[in-house]
Every structure is written in structure tokens, then in C-alpha cells.
């Protein structure tokens, strides 16, 4: 299994753990992001894997937080492997379909920027 796939699976498991604890989808996305933040900062692959996994989860549930939009723009600037590109294409297709609501939280977006900006 590739690092990318392992990162995706770990992120999905984190999200599922939070939903099992009674978090809403929105809350679980944010909690999983924070749960994975240190790991995400270790490599571009980890960053891309967690960001894409959370984006797919959000979009599958009809919601796309503004902080994920911000992080996806950072992923698009990376040189991506084929499996990452494939999932990024899926995210872009779902974004184009527009079957989701955008969740804006300026304060949380600023927090995400503090965590992930160098």
C-alpha cells in the first residue's frame, strides 16, 4: 500500500471515529483535520492524502467547508502521483457538479491558515 493510500485510510478512520462519537459531518471533518494536522505537515503526500480524503467525504455528504477549498488549492500546486491525480480529478468532477453547500467559517479558516501556512 502506498503512503498516499495509507494516509487516506487513516483520515477516513479518524472521520469515522468522530462520527461514531456523535459529531455532525461538519464537526467530524474539522476534528479529523486537526487530528491529522501534524502528520499532514510531514510530507506533501500526507498533506494531499488527508486533504483529498476529507474533501471527498465532505462532498459525498453534500458539504464543502471553505477551509478544504483553501487546502485543495495548495494540493493543486504540488507535483502529484497518478493515484493522487485520479482522486483529485474525482474531487474536481464533484465540485463541478455543484451538488453541495459551501460552509463558511472565517474564524476556522484563519486557524487552518495558521496551522498550514509556512
PDB file of N, CA and C in Angstrom:
ATOM      1  N   UNK A   1       0.851  -1.178   0.000  1.00  0.00           N
ATOM      2  CA  UNK A   1       0.000   0.000   0.000  1.00  0.00           C
ATOM      3  C   UNK A   1       0.901   1.247   0.000  1.00  0.00           C
ATOM      4  N   UNK A   2       0.512   2.225  -0.766  1.00  0.00           N
ATOM      5  CA  UNK A   2       1.314   3.447  -0.862  1.00  0.00           C
ATOM      6  C   UNK A   2       1.079   4.349   0.351  1.00  0.00           C
ATOM      7  N   UNK A   3       2.014   5.263   0.565  1.00  0.00           N
ATOM      8  CA  UNK A   3       1.848   6.241   1.647  1.00  0.00           C
ATOM      9  C   UNK A   3       0.552   7.019   1.464  1.00  0.00           C
ATOM     10  N   UNK A   4       0.257   7.349   0.207  1.00  0.00           N
ATOM     11  CA  UNK A   4      -0.955   8.111  -0.088  1.00  0.00           C
ATOM     12  C   UNK A   4      -2.200   7.343   0.356  1.00  0.00           C
ATOM     13  N   UNK A   5      -2.281   6.074  -0.013  1.00  0.00           N
ATOM     14  CA  UNK A   5      -3.455   5.273   0.352  1.00  0.00           C
ATOM     15  C   UNK A   5      -3.549   5.088   1.865  1.00  0.00           C
ATOM     16  N   UNK A   6      -2.404   4.905   2.520  1.00  0.00           N
ATOM     17  CA  UNK A   6      -2.403   4.776   3.977  1.00  0.00           C
ATOM     18  C   UNK A   6      -2.911   6.054   4.634  1.00  0.00           C
ATOM     19  N   UNK A   7      -2.470   7.190   4.110  1.00  0.00           N
ATOM     20  CA  UNK A   7      -2.909   8.474   4.654  1.00  0.00           C
ATOM     21  C   UNK A   7      -4.412   8.649   4.474  1.00  0.00           C
ATOM     22  N   UNK A   8      -4.906   8.306   3.286  1.00  0.00           N
ATOM     23  CA  UNK A   8      -6.354   8.400   3.041  1.00  0.00           C
ATOM     24  C   UNK A   8      -7.122   7.533   4.031  1.00  0.00           C
ATOM     25  N   UNK A   9      -6.682   6.295   4.202  1.00  0.00           N
ATOM     26  CA  UNK A   9      -7.380   5.374   5.102  1.00  0.00           C
ATOM     27  C   UNK A   9      -7.359   5.877   6.543  1.00  0.00           C
ATOM     28  N   UNK A  10      -6.208   6.382   6.976  1.00  0.00           N
ATOM     29  CA  UNK A  10      -6.088   6.903   8.332  1.00  0.00           C
ATOM     30  C   UNK A  10      -7.042   8.088   8.535  1.00  0.00           C
ATOM     31  N   UNK A  11      -7.136   8.945   7.533  1.00  0.00           N
ATOM     32  CA  UNK A  11      -8.005  10.118   7.613  1.00  0.00           C
ATOM     33  C   UNK A  11      -9.469   9.704   7.661  1.00  0.00           C
ATOM     34  N   UNK A  12      -9.838   8.747   6.829  1.00  0.00           N
ATOM     35  CA  UNK A  12     -11.215   8.241   6.813  1.00  0.00           C
ATOM     36  C   UNK A  12     -11.565   7.616   8.162  1.00  0.00           C
ATOM     37  N   UNK A  13     -10.630   6.838   8.722  1.00  0.00           N
ATOM     38  CA  UNK A  13     -10.866   6.223  10.034  1.00  0.00           C
ATOM     39  C   UNK A  13     -11.048   7.284  11.113  1.00  0.00           C
ATOM     40  N   UNK A  14     -10.245   8.335  11.056  1.00  0.00           N
ATOM     41  CA  UNK A  14     -10.370   9.424  12.026  1.00  0.00           C
ATOM     42  C   UNK A  14     -11.750  10.063  11.921  1.00  0.00           C
ATOM     43  N   UNK A  15     -12.184  10.352  10.696  1.00  0.00           N
ATOM     44  CA  UNK A  15     -13.512  10.930  10.478  1.00  0.00           C
ATOM     45  C   UNK A  15     -14.593  10.002  11.041  1.00  0.00           C
ATOM     46  N   UNK A  16     -14.489   8.715  10.735  1.00  0.00           N
ATOM     47  CA  UNK A  16     -15.488   7.751  11.208  1.00  0.00           C
ATOM     48  C   UNK A  16     -15.523   7.670  12.733  1.00  0.00           C
ATOM     49  N   UNK A  17     -14.347   7.737  13.355  1.00  0.00           N
ATOM     50  CA  UNK A  17     -14.297   7.721  14.823  1.00  0.00           C
ATOM     51  C   UNK A  17     -15.089   8.887  15.403  1.00  0.00           C
ATOM     52  N   UNK A  18     -14.915  10.060  14.811  1.00  0.00           N
ATOM     53  CA  UNK A  18     -15.627  11.231  15.325  1.00  0.00           C
ATOM     54  C   UNK A  18     -17.134  11.141  15.073  1.00  0.00           C
ATOM     55  N   UNK A  19     -17.539  10.594  13.928  1.00  0.00           N
ATOM     56  CA  UNK A  19     -18.983  10.470  13.683  1.00  0.00           C
ATOM     57  C   UNK A  19     -19.594   9.439  14.632  1.00  0.00           C
ATOM     58  N   UNK A  20     -18.840   8.383  14.938  1.00  0.00           N
ATOM     59  CA  UNK A  20     -19.330   7.383  15.889  1.00  0.00           C
ATOM     60  C   UNK A  20     -19.488   7.973  17.286  1.00  0.00           C
ATOM     61  N   UNK A  21     -18.707   9.006  17.588  1.00  0.00           N
ATOM     62  CA  UNK A  21     -18.811   9.677  18.885  1.00  0.00           C
ATOM     63  C   UNK A  21     -19.945  10.699  18.911  1.00  0.00           C
ATOM     64  N   UNK A  22     -20.675  10.825  17.790  1.00  0.00           N
ATOM     65  CA  UNK A  22     -21.828  11.710  17.759  1.00  0.00           C
ATOM     66  C   UNK A  22     -21.594  13.069  17.121  1.00  0.00           C
ATOM     67  N   UNK A  23     -20.416  13.268  16.534  1.00  0.00           N
ATOM     68  CA  UNK A  23     -20.145  14.530  15.850  1.00  0.00           C
ATOM     69  C   UNK A  23     -20.977  14.611  14.571  1.00  0.00           C
ATOM     70  N   UNK A  24     -21.382  15.825  14.190  1.00  0.00           N
ATOM     71  CA  UNK A  24     -22.015  16.015  12.885  1.00  0.00           C
ATOM     72  C   UNK A  24     -20.937  15.863  11.816  1.00  0.00           C
ATOM     73  N   UNK A  25     -21.355  15.760  10.564  1.00  0.00           N
ATOM     74  CA  UNK A  25     -20.385  15.662   9.471  1.00  0.00           C
ATOM     75  C   UNK A  25     -19.440  16.854   9.487  1.00  0.00           C
ATOM     76  N   UNK A  26     -19.984  18.027   9.639  1.00  0.00           N
ATOM     77  CA  UNK A  26     -19.177  19.249   9.659  1.00  0.00           C
ATOM     78  C   UNK A  26     -18.162  19.227  10.805  1.00  0.00           C
ATOM     79  N   UNK A  27     -18.618  18.853  11.978  1.00  0.00           N
ATOM     80  CA  UNK A  27     -17.731  18.789  13.143  1.00  0.00           C
ATOM     81  C   UNK A  27     -16.672  17.704  12.973  1.00  0.00           C
ATOM     82  N   UNK A  28     -17.073  16.562  12.434  1.00  0.00           N
ATOM     83  CA  UNK A  28     -16.137  15.451  12.256  1.00  0.00           C
ATOM     84  C   UNK A  28     -15.063  15.777  11.221  1.00  0.00           C
ATOM     85  N   UNK A  29     -15.430  16.516  10.167  1.00  0.00           N
ATOM     86  CA  UNK A  29     -14.428  16.932   9.179  1.00  0.00           C
ATOM     87  C   UNK A  29     -13.364  17.803   9.836  1.00  0.00           C
ATOM     88  N   UNK A  30     -13.798  18.788  10.604  1.00  0.00           N
ATOM     89  CA  UNK A  30     -12.851  19.687  11.272  1.00  0.00           C
ATOM     90  C   UNK A  30     -12.010  18.936  12.303  1.00  0.00           C
ATOM     91  N   UNK A  31     -12.638  18.058  13.061  1.00  0.00           N
ATOM     92  CA  UNK A  31     -11.911  17.298  14.081  1.00  0.00           C
ATOM     93  C   UNK A  31     -10.890  16.357  13.441  1.00  0.00           C
ATOM     94  N   UNK A  32     -11.272  15.706  12.350  1.00  0.00           N
ATOM     95  CA  UNK A  32     -10.342  14.809  11.659  1.00  0.00           C
ATOM     96  C   UNK A  32      -9.172  15.594  11.076  1.00  0.00           C
ATOM     97  N   UNK A  33      -9.446  16.774  10.550  1.00  0.00           N
ATOM     98  CA  UNK A  33      -8.368  17.614  10.024  1.00  0.00           C
ATOM     99  C   UNK A  33      -7.367  17.934  11.135  1.00  0.00           C
ATOM    100  N   UNK A  34      -7.864  18.345  12.275  1.00  0.00           N
ATOM    101  CA  UNK A  34      -6.959  18.677  13.378  1.00  0.00           C
ATOM    102  C   UNK A  34      -6.249  17.435  13.901  1.00  0.00           C
ATOM    103  N   UNK A  35      -6.938  16.306  13.895  1.00  0.00           N
ATOM    104  CA  UNK A  35      -6.346  15.047  14.329  1.00  0.00           C
ATOM    105  C   UNK A  35      -5.161  14.662  13.438  1.00  0.00           C
ATOM    106  N   UNK A  36      -5.242  14.990  12.164  1.00  0.00           N
ATOM    107  CA  UNK A  36      -4.215  14.613  11.187  1.00  0.00           C
ATOM    108  C   UNK A  36      -3.198  15.720  10.907  1.00  0.00           C
ATOM    109  N   UNK A  37      -3.362  16.889  11.495  1.00  0.00           N
ATOM    110  CA  UNK A  37      -2.566  18.067  11.122  1.00  0.00           C
ATOM    111  C   UNK A  37      -1.059  17.846  11.224  1.00  0.00           C
ATOM    112  N   UNK A  38      -0.588  17.303  12.323  1.00  0.00           N
ATOM    113  CA  UNK A  38       0.856  17.108  12.488  1.00  0.00           C
ATOM    114  C   UNK A  38       1.368  16.136  11.430  1.00  0.00           C
ATOM    115  N   UNK A  39       0.644  15.057  11.224  1.00  0.00           N
ATOM    116  CA  UNK A  39       1.012  14.062  10.220  1.00  0.00           C
ATOM    117  C   UNK A  39       1.013  14.679   8.821  1.00  0.00           C
ATOM    118  N   UNK A  40       0.036  15.534   8.544  1.00  0.00           N
ATOM    119  CA  UNK A  40      -0.074  16.171   7.226  1.00  0.00           C
ATOM    120  C   UNK A  40       1.127  17.059   6.925  1.00  0.00           C
ATOM    121  N   UNK A  41       1.692  17.656   7.953  1.00  0.00           N
ATOM    122  CA  UNK A  41       2.809  18.573   7.755  1.00  0.00           C
ATOM    123  C   UNK A  41       4.125  17.841   7.488  1.00  0.00           C
ATOM    124  N   UNK A  42       4.139  16.522   7.648  1.00  0.00           N
ATOM    125  CA  UNK A  42       5.372  15.756   7.472  1.00  0.00           C
ATOM    126  C   UNK A  42       5.755  15.548   6.017  1.00  0.00           C
ATOM    127  N   UNK A  43       4.771  15.527   5.113  1.00  0.00           N
ATOM    128  CA  UNK A  43       5.101  15.339   3.692  1.00  0.00           C
ATOM    129  C   UNK A  43       3.968  15.847   2.807  1.00  0.00           C
ATOM    130  N   UNK A  44       4.313  16.141   1.569  1.00  0.00           N
ATOM    131  CA  UNK A  44       3.302  16.576   0.602  1.00  0.00           C
ATOM    132  C   UNK A  44       2.293  15.468   0.343  1.00  0.00           C
ATOM    133  N   UNK A  45       2.757  14.230   0.344  1.00  0.00           N
ATOM    134  CA  UNK A  45       1.861  13.092   0.117  1.00  0.00           C
ATOM    135  C   UNK A  45       0.835  12.993   1.241  1.00  0.00           C
ATOM    136  N   UNK A  46       1.285  13.140   2.466  1.00  0.00           N
ATOM    137  CA  UNK A  46       0.360  13.109   3.605  1.00  0.00           C
ATOM    138  C   UNK A  46      -0.633  14.261   3.522  1.00  0.00           C
ATOM    139  N   UNK A  47      -0.128  15.441   3.180  1.00  0.00           N
ATOM    140  CA  UNK A  47      -0.981  16.622   3.067  1.00  0.00           C
ATOM    141  C   UNK A  47      -2.056  16.399   2.006  1.00  0.00           C
ATOM    142  N   UNK A  48      -1.628  15.926   0.839  1.00  0.00           N
ATOM    143  CA  UNK A  48      -2.573  15.683  -0.257  1.00  0.00           C
ATOM    144  C   UNK A  48      -3.571  14.590   0.116  1.00  0.00           C
ATOM    145  N   UNK A  49      -3.085  13.509   0.698  1.00  0.00           N
ATOM    146  CA  UNK A  49      -3.959  12.391   1.041  1.00  0.00           C
ATOM    147  C   UNK A  49      -5.065  12.771   2.002  1.00  0.00           C
ATOM    148  N   UNK A  50      -4.705  13.465   3.067  1.00  0.00           N
ATOM    149  CA  UNK A  50      -5.706  13.858   4.056  1.00  0.00           C
ATOM    150  C   UNK A  50      -6.667  14.904   3.494  1.00  0.00           C
ATOM    151  N   UNK A  51      -6.129  15.873   2.764  1.00  0.00           N
ATOM    152  CA  UNK A  51      -6.977  16.929   2.202  1.00  0.00           C
ATOM    153  C   UNK A  51      -7.976  16.357   1.204  1.00  0.00           C
ATOM    154  N   UNK A  52      -7.507  15.493   0.324  1.00  0.00           N
ATOM    155  CA  UNK A  52      -8.391  14.900  -0.683  1.00  0.00           C
ATOM    156  C   UNK A  52      -9.419  13.983  -0.018  1.00  0.00           C
ATOM    157  N   UNK A  53      -8.984  13.180   0.947  1.00  0.00           N
ATOM    158  CA  UNK A  53      -9.926  12.285   1.634  1.00  0.00           C
ATOM    159  C   UNK A  53     -11.033  13.082   2.320  1.00  0.00           C
ATOM    160  N   UNK A  54     -10.664  14.143   3.024  1.00  0.00           N
ATOM    161  CA  UNK A  54     -11.674  14.959   3.707  1.00  0.00           C
ATOM    162  C   UNK A  54     -12.580  15.669   2.708  1.00  0.00           C
ATOM    163  N   UNK A  55     -12.015  16.096   1.594  1.00  0.00           N
ATOM    164  CA  UNK A  55     -12.827  16.749   0.557  1.00  0.00           C
ATOM    165  C   UNK A  55     -13.846  15.779  -0.020  1.00  0.00           C
ATOM    166  N   UNK A  56     -13.412  14.562  -0.318  1.00  0.00           N
ATOM    167  CA  UNK A  56     -14.331  13.556  -0.859  1.00  0.00           C
ATOM    168  C   UNK A  56     -15.428  13.214   0.150  1.00  0.00           C
ATOM    169  N   UNK A  57     -15.058  13.087   1.414  1.00  0.00           N
ATOM    170  CA  UNK A  57     -16.059  12.805   2.452  1.00  0.00           C
ATOM    171  C   UNK A  57     -17.078  13.938   2.516  1.00  0.00           C
ATOM    172  N   UNK A  58     -16.580  15.160   2.568  1.00  0.00           N
ATOM    173  CA  UNK A  58     -17.482  16.310   2.636  1.00  0.00           C
ATOM    174  C   UNK A  58     -18.408  16.371   1.442  1.00  0.00           C
ATOM    175  N   UNK A  59     -17.837  16.237   0.251  1.00  0.00           N
ATOM    176  CA  UNK A  59     -18.647  16.313  -0.971  1.00  0.00           C
ATOM    177  C   UNK A  59     -19.649  15.166  -1.051  1.00  0.00           C
ATOM    178  N   UNK A  60     -19.242  13.969  -0.619  1.00  0.00           N
ATOM    179  CA  UNK A  60     -20.175  12.833  -0.587  1.00  0.00           C
ATOM    180  C   UNK A  60     -21.352  13.109   0.347  1.00  0.00           C
ATOM    181  N   UNK A  61     -21.124  13.968   1.339  1.00  0.00           N
ATOM    182  CA  UNK A  61     -22.170  14.322   2.306  1.00  0.00           C
ATOM    183  C   UNK A  61     -22.833  15.657   1.992  1.00  0.00           C
ATOM    184  N   UNK A  62     -22.540  16.193   0.799  1.00  0.00           N
ATOM    185  CA  UNK A  62     -23.208  17.414   0.350  1.00  0.00           C
ATOM    186  C   UNK A  62     -22.713  18.701   0.979  1.00  0.00           C
ATOM    187  N   UNK A  63     -21.488  18.676   1.498  1.00  0.00           N
ATOM    188  CA  UNK A  63     -20.976  19.899   2.097  1.00  0.00           C
ATOM    189  C   UNK A  63     -19.493  20.065   1.796  1.00  0.00           C
ATOM    190  N   UNK A  64     -19.090  21.313   1.637  1.00  0.00           N
ATOM    191  CA  UNK A  64     -17.698  21.612   1.310  1.00  0.00           C
ATOM    192  C   UNK A  64     -17.263  22.852   2.089  1.00  0.00           C
ATOM    193  N   UNK A  65     -16.561  22.636   3.204  1.00  0.00           N
ATOM    194  CA  UNK A  65     -16.113  23.770   4.010  1.00  0.00           C
ATOM    195  C   UNK A  65     -15.075  24.623   3.281  1.00  0.00           C
ATOM    196  N   UNK A  66     -15.105  25.913   3.550  1.00  0.00           N
ATOM    197  CA  UNK A  66     -14.175  26.827   2.884  1.00  0.00           C
ATOM    198  C   UNK A  66     -12.719  26.496   3.196  1.00  0.00           C
ATOM    199  N   UNK A  67     -12.451  25.943   4.374  1.00  0.00           N
ATOM    200  CA  UNK A  67     -11.062  25.613   4.697  1.00  0.00           C
ATOM    201  C   UNK A  67     -10.539  24.467   3.829  1.00  0.00           C
ATOM    202  N   UNK A  68     -11.421  23.552   3.406  1.00  0.00           N
ATOM    203  CA  UNK A  68     -10.976  22.493   2.496  1.00  0.00           C
ATOM    204  C   UNK A  68     -10.708  23.060   1.109  1.00  0.00           C
ATOM    205  N   UNK A  69     -11.506  24.019   0.695  1.00  0.00           N
ATOM    206  CA  UNK A  69     -11.247  24.691  -0.579  1.00  0.00           C
ATOM    207  C   UNK A  69      -9.858  25.336  -0.544  1.00  0.00           C
ATOM    208  N   UNK A  70      -9.548  25.985   0.555  1.00  0.00           N
ATOM    209  CA  UNK A  70      -8.243  26.624   0.731  1.00  0.00           C
ATOM    210  C   UNK A  70      -7.112  25.587   0.648  1.00  0.00           C
ATOM    211  N   UNK A  71      -7.268  24.468   1.349  1.00  0.00           N
ATOM    212  CA  UNK A  71      -6.232  23.434   1.351  1.00  0.00           C
ATOM    213  C   UNK A  71      -6.106  22.755  -0.007  1.00  0.00           C
ATOM    214  N   UNK A  72      -7.225  22.562  -0.707  1.00  0.00           N
ATOM    215  CA  UNK A  72      -7.168  21.949  -2.039  1.00  0.00           C
ATOM    216  C   UNK A  72      -6.360  22.794  -3.013  1.00  0.00           C
ATOM    217  N   UNK A  73      -6.441  24.101  -2.892  1.00  0.00           N
ATOM    218  CA  UNK A  73      -5.646  24.973  -3.759  1.00  0.00           C
ATOM    219  C   UNK A  73      -4.161  24.732  -3.534  1.00  0.00           C
ATOM    220  N   UNK A  74      -3.779  24.409  -2.309  1.00  0.00           N
ATOM    221  CA  UNK A  74      -2.386  24.086  -2.012  1.00  0.00           C
ATOM    222  C   UNK A  74      -2.010  22.727  -2.623  1.00  0.00           C
ATOM    223  N   UNK A  75      -2.928  21.779  -2.593  1.00  0.00           N
ATOM    224  CA  UNK A  75      -2.672  20.457  -3.174  1.00  0.00           C
ATOM    225  C   UNK A  75      -2.457  20.574  -4.679  1.00  0.00           C
ATOM    226  N   UNK A  76      -3.250  21.405  -5.331  1.00  0.00           N
ATOM    227  CA  UNK A  76      -3.145  21.557  -6.784  1.00  0.00           C
ATOM    228  C   UNK A  76      -1.782  22.075  -7.221  1.00  0.00           C
ATOM    229  N   UNK A  77      -1.056  22.731  -6.336  1.00  0.00           N
ATOM    230  CA  UNK A  77       0.266  23.274  -6.659  1.00  0.00           C
ATOM    231  C   UNK A  77       1.374  22.228  -6.529  1.00  0.00           C
ATOM    232  N   UNK A  78       1.057  21.091  -5.939  1.00  0.00           N
ATOM    233  CA  UNK A  78       2.052  20.045  -5.721  1.00  0.00           C
ATOM    234  C   UNK A  78       2.219  19.195  -6.975  1.00  0.00           C
ATOM    235  N   UNK A  79       3.380  18.553  -7.093  1.00  0.00           N
ATOM    236  CA  UNK A  79       3.530  17.571  -8.167  1.00  0.00           C
ATOM    237  C   UNK A  79       2.916  16.275  -7.642  1.00  0.00           C
ATOM    238  N   UNK A  80       1.898  15.809  -8.330  1.00  0.00           N
ATOM    239  CA  UNK A  80       1.080  14.712  -7.831  1.00  0.00           C
ATOM    240  C   UNK A  80       1.360  13.404  -8.554  1.00  0.00           C
ATOM    241  N   UNK A  81       1.330  12.309  -7.806  1.00  0.00           N
ATOM    242  CA  UNK A  81       1.450  10.982  -8.406  1.00  0.00           C
ATOM    243  C   UNK A  81       0.141  10.636  -9.111  1.00  0.00           C
ATOM    244  N   UNK A  82       0.161   9.568  -9.884  1.00  0.00           N
ATOM    245  CA  UNK A  82      -1.021   9.192 -10.662  1.00  0.00           C
ATOM    246  C   UNK A  82      -2.242   8.893  -9.791  1.00  0.00           C
ATOM    247  N   UNK A  83      -2.033   8.187  -8.662  1.00  0.00           N
ATOM    248  CA  UNK A  83      -3.195   7.868  -7.817  1.00  0.00           C
ATOM    249  C   UNK A  83      -3.764   9.123  -7.156  1.00  0.00           C
ATOM    250  N   UNK A  84      -2.900  10.075  -6.834  1.00  0.00           N
ATOM    251  CA  UNK A  84      -3.386  11.334  -6.266  1.00  0.00           C
ATOM    252  C   UNK A  84      -4.129  12.129  -7.336  1.00  0.00           C
ATOM    253  N   UNK A  85      -3.580  12.163  -8.551  1.00  0.00           N
ATOM    254  CA  UNK A  85      -4.237  12.883  -9.653  1.00  0.00           C
ATOM    255  C   UNK A  85      -5.627  12.313  -9.919  1.00  0.00           C
ATOM    256  N   UNK A  86      -5.747  10.991  -9.864  1.00  0.00           N
ATOM    257  CA  UNK A  86      -7.036  10.336 -10.115  1.00  0.00           C
ATOM    258  C   UNK A  86      -8.078  10.800  -9.094  1.00  0.00           C
ATOM    259  N   UNK A  87      -7.693  10.822  -7.823  1.00  0.00           N
ATOM    260  CA  UNK A  87      -8.626  11.273  -6.787  1.00  0.00           C
ATOM    261  C   UNK A  87      -8.899  12.768  -6.895  1.00  0.00           C
ATOM    262  N   UNK A  88      -7.890  13.542  -7.287  1.00  0.00           N
ATOM    263  CA  UNK A  88      -8.087  14.980  -7.470  1.00  0.00           C
ATOM    264  C   UNK A  88      -9.076  15.230  -8.600  1.00  0.00           C
ATOM    265  N   UNK A  89      -8.996  14.419  -9.657  1.00  0.00           N
ATOM    266  CA  UNK A  89      -9.959  14.529 -10.756  1.00  0.00           C
ATOM    267  C   UNK A  89     -11.376  14.253 -10.253  1.00  0.00           C
ATOM    268  N   UNK A  90     -11.505  13.258  -9.363  1.00  0.00           N
ATOM    269  CA  UNK A  90     -12.820  12.934  -8.799  1.00  0.00           C
ATOM    270  C   UNK A  90     -13.352  14.114  -7.983  1.00  0.00           C
ATOM    271  N   UNK A  91     -12.487  14.730  -7.180  1.00  0.00           N
ATOM    272  CA  UNK A  91     -12.890  15.906  -6.395  1.00  0.00           C
ATOM    273  C   UNK A  91     -13.342  17.016  -7.331  1.00  0.00           C
ATOM    274  N   UNK A  92     -12.551  17.282  -8.366  1.00  0.00           N
ATOM    275  CA  UNK A  92     -12.891  18.358  -9.303  1.00  0.00           C
ATOM    276  C   UNK A  92     -14.207  18.090 -10.026  1.00  0.00           C
ATOM    277  N   UNK A  93     -14.462  16.831 -10.373  1.00  0.00           N
ATOM    278  CA  UNK A  93     -15.726  16.464 -11.011  1.00  0.00           C
ATOM    279  C   UNK A  93     -16.894  16.732 -10.063  1.00  0.00           C
ATOM    280  N   UNK A  94     -16.721  16.365  -8.803  1.00  0.00           N
ATOM    281  CA  UNK A  94     -17.779  16.594  -7.815  1.00  0.00           C
ATOM    282  C   UNK A  94     -17.989  18.089  -7.577  1.00  0.00           C
ATOM    283  N   UNK A  95     -16.907  18.851  -7.571  1.00  0.00           N
ATOM    284  CA  UNK A  95     -17.028  20.297  -7.396  1.00  0.00           C
ATOM    285  C   UNK A  95     -17.763  20.925  -8.573  1.00  0.00           C
ATOM    286  N   UNK A  96     -17.453  20.453  -9.774  1.00  0.00           N
ATOM    287  CA  UNK A  96     -18.103  20.970 -10.977  1.00  0.00           C
ATOM    288  C   UNK A  96     -19.597  20.659 -10.967  1.00  0.00           C
ATOM    289  N   UNK A  97     -19.957  19.475 -10.467  1.00  0.00           N
ATOM    290  CA  UNK A  97     -21.371  19.090 -10.401  1.00  0.00           C
ATOM    291  C   UNK A  97     -22.154  20.034  -9.484  1.00  0.00           C
ATOM    292  N   UNK A  98     -21.485  20.571  -8.483  1.00  0.00           N
ATOM    293  CA  UNK A  98     -22.112  21.567  -7.612  1.00  0.00           C
ATOM    294  C   UNK A  98     -23.191  21.052  -6.686  1.00  0.00           C
ATOM    295  N   UNK A  99     -23.198  19.751  -6.409  1.00  0.00           N
ATOM    296  CA  UNK A  99     -24.235  19.160  -5.564  1.00  0.00           C
ATOM    297  C   UNK A  99     -23.814  19.191  -4.090  1.00  0.00           C
ATOM    298  N   UNK A 100     -23.564  20.391  -3.589  1.00  0.00           N
ATOM    299  CA  UNK A 100     -23.111  20.554  -2.217  1.00  0.00           C
ATOM    300  C   UNK A 100     -23.362  21.996  -1.779  1.00  0.00           C
ATOM    301  N   UNK A 101     -23.314  22.203  -0.488  1.00  0.00           N
ATOM    302  CA  UNK A 101     -23.387  23.578   0.018  1.00  0.00           C
ATOM    303  C   UNK A 101     -22.008  23.944   0.564  1.00  0.00           C
ATOM    304  N   UNK A 102     -21.648  25.200   0.381  1.00  0.00           N
ATOM    305  CA  UNK A 102     -20.367  25.679   0.892  1.00  0.00           C
ATOM    306  C   UNK A 102     -20.585  26.166   2.316  1.00  0.00           C
ATOM    307  N   UNK A 103     -19.760  25.671   3.188  1.00  0.00           N
ATOM    308  CA  UNK A 103     -19.842  26.064   4.591  1.00  0.00           C
ATOM    309  C   UNK A 103     -18.705  27.043   4.866  1.00  0.00           C
ATOM    310  N   UNK A 104     -19.058  28.261   5.235  1.00  0.00           N
ATOM    311  CA  UNK A 104     -18.047  29.278   5.504  1.00  0.00           C
ATOM    312  C   UNK A 104     -17.917  29.511   7.001  1.00  0.00           C
ATOM    313  N   UNK A 105     -16.685  29.512   7.452  1.00  0.00           N
ATOM    314  CA  UNK A 105     -16.378  29.796   8.849  1.00  0.00           C
ATOM    315  C   UNK A 105     -15.061  30.561   8.867  1.00  0.00           C
ATOM    316  N   UNK A 106     -15.132  31.890   8.747  1.00  0.00           N
ATOM    317  CA  UNK A 106     -13.914  32.703   8.640  1.00  0.00           C
ATOM    318  C   UNK A 106     -12.921  32.495   9.784  1.00  0.00           C
ATOM    319  N   UNK A 107     -13.426  32.313  10.995  1.00  0.00           N
ATOM    320  CA  UNK A 107     -12.520  32.116  12.134  1.00  0.00           C
ATOM    321  C   UNK A 107     -11.778  30.790  12.027  1.00  0.00           C
ATOM    322  N   UNK A 108     -12.493  29.736  11.629  1.00  0.00           N
ATOM    323  CA  UNK A 108     -11.825  28.440  11.499  1.00  0.00           C
ATOM    324  C   UNK A 108     -10.878  28.445  10.301  1.00  0.00           C
ATOM    325  N   UNK A 109     -11.250  29.116   9.235  1.00  0.00           N
ATOM    326  CA  UNK A 109     -10.360  29.235   8.076  1.00  0.00           C
ATOM    327  C   UNK A 109      -9.048  29.900   8.495  1.00  0.00           C
ATOM    328  N   UNK A 110      -9.116  30.928   9.306  1.00  0.00           N
ATOM    329  CA  UNK A 110      -7.892  31.588   9.787  1.00  0.00           C
ATOM    330  C   UNK A 110      -7.052  30.628  10.621  1.00  0.00           C
ATOM    331  N   UNK A 111      -7.705  29.814  11.423  1.00  0.00           N
ATOM    332  CA  UNK A 111      -6.987  28.809  12.223  1.00  0.00           C
ATOM    333  C   UNK A 111      -6.258  27.824  11.311  1.00  0.00           C
ATOM    334  N   UNK A 112      -6.938  27.362  10.273  1.00  0.00           N
ATOM    335  CA  UNK A 112      -6.330  26.424   9.323  1.00  0.00           C
ATOM    336  C   UNK A 112      -5.134  27.079   8.632  1.00  0.00           C
ATOM    337  N   UNK A 113      -5.284  28.338   8.267  1.00  0.00           N
ATOM    338  CA  UNK A 113      -4.166  29.052   7.638  1.00  0.00           C
ATOM    339  C   UNK A 113      -2.972  29.129   8.581  1.00  0.00           C
ATOM    340  N   UNK A 114      -3.215  29.378   9.854  1.00  0.00           N
ATOM    341  CA  UNK A 114      -2.120  29.430  10.824  1.00  0.00           C
ATOM    342  C   UNK A 114      -1.416  28.081  10.944  1.00  0.00           C
ATOM    343  N   UNK A 115      -2.182  27.013  10.899  1.00  0.00           N
ATOM    344  CA  UNK A 115      -1.613  25.674  11.037  1.00  0.00           C
ATOM    345  C   UNK A 115      -0.801  25.282   9.804  1.00  0.00           C
ATOM    346  N   UNK A 116      -1.324  25.573   8.613  1.00  0.00           N
ATOM    347  CA  UNK A 116      -0.732  25.016   7.399  1.00  0.00           C
ATOM    348  C   UNK A 116       0.095  25.977   6.553  1.00  0.00           C
ATOM    349  N   UNK A 117       0.112  27.240   6.872  1.00  0.00           N
ATOM    350  CA  UNK A 117       0.968  28.152   6.114  1.00  0.00           C
ATOM    351  C   UNK A 117       2.351  28.165   6.739  1.00  0.00           C
ATOM    352  N   UNK A 118       3.322  28.157   5.870  1.00  0.00           N
ATOM    353  CA  UNK A 118       4.718  28.143   6.338  1.00  0.00           C
ATOM    354  C   UNK A 118       5.141  29.526   6.755  1.00  0.00           C
TER     355      UNK A 118
END
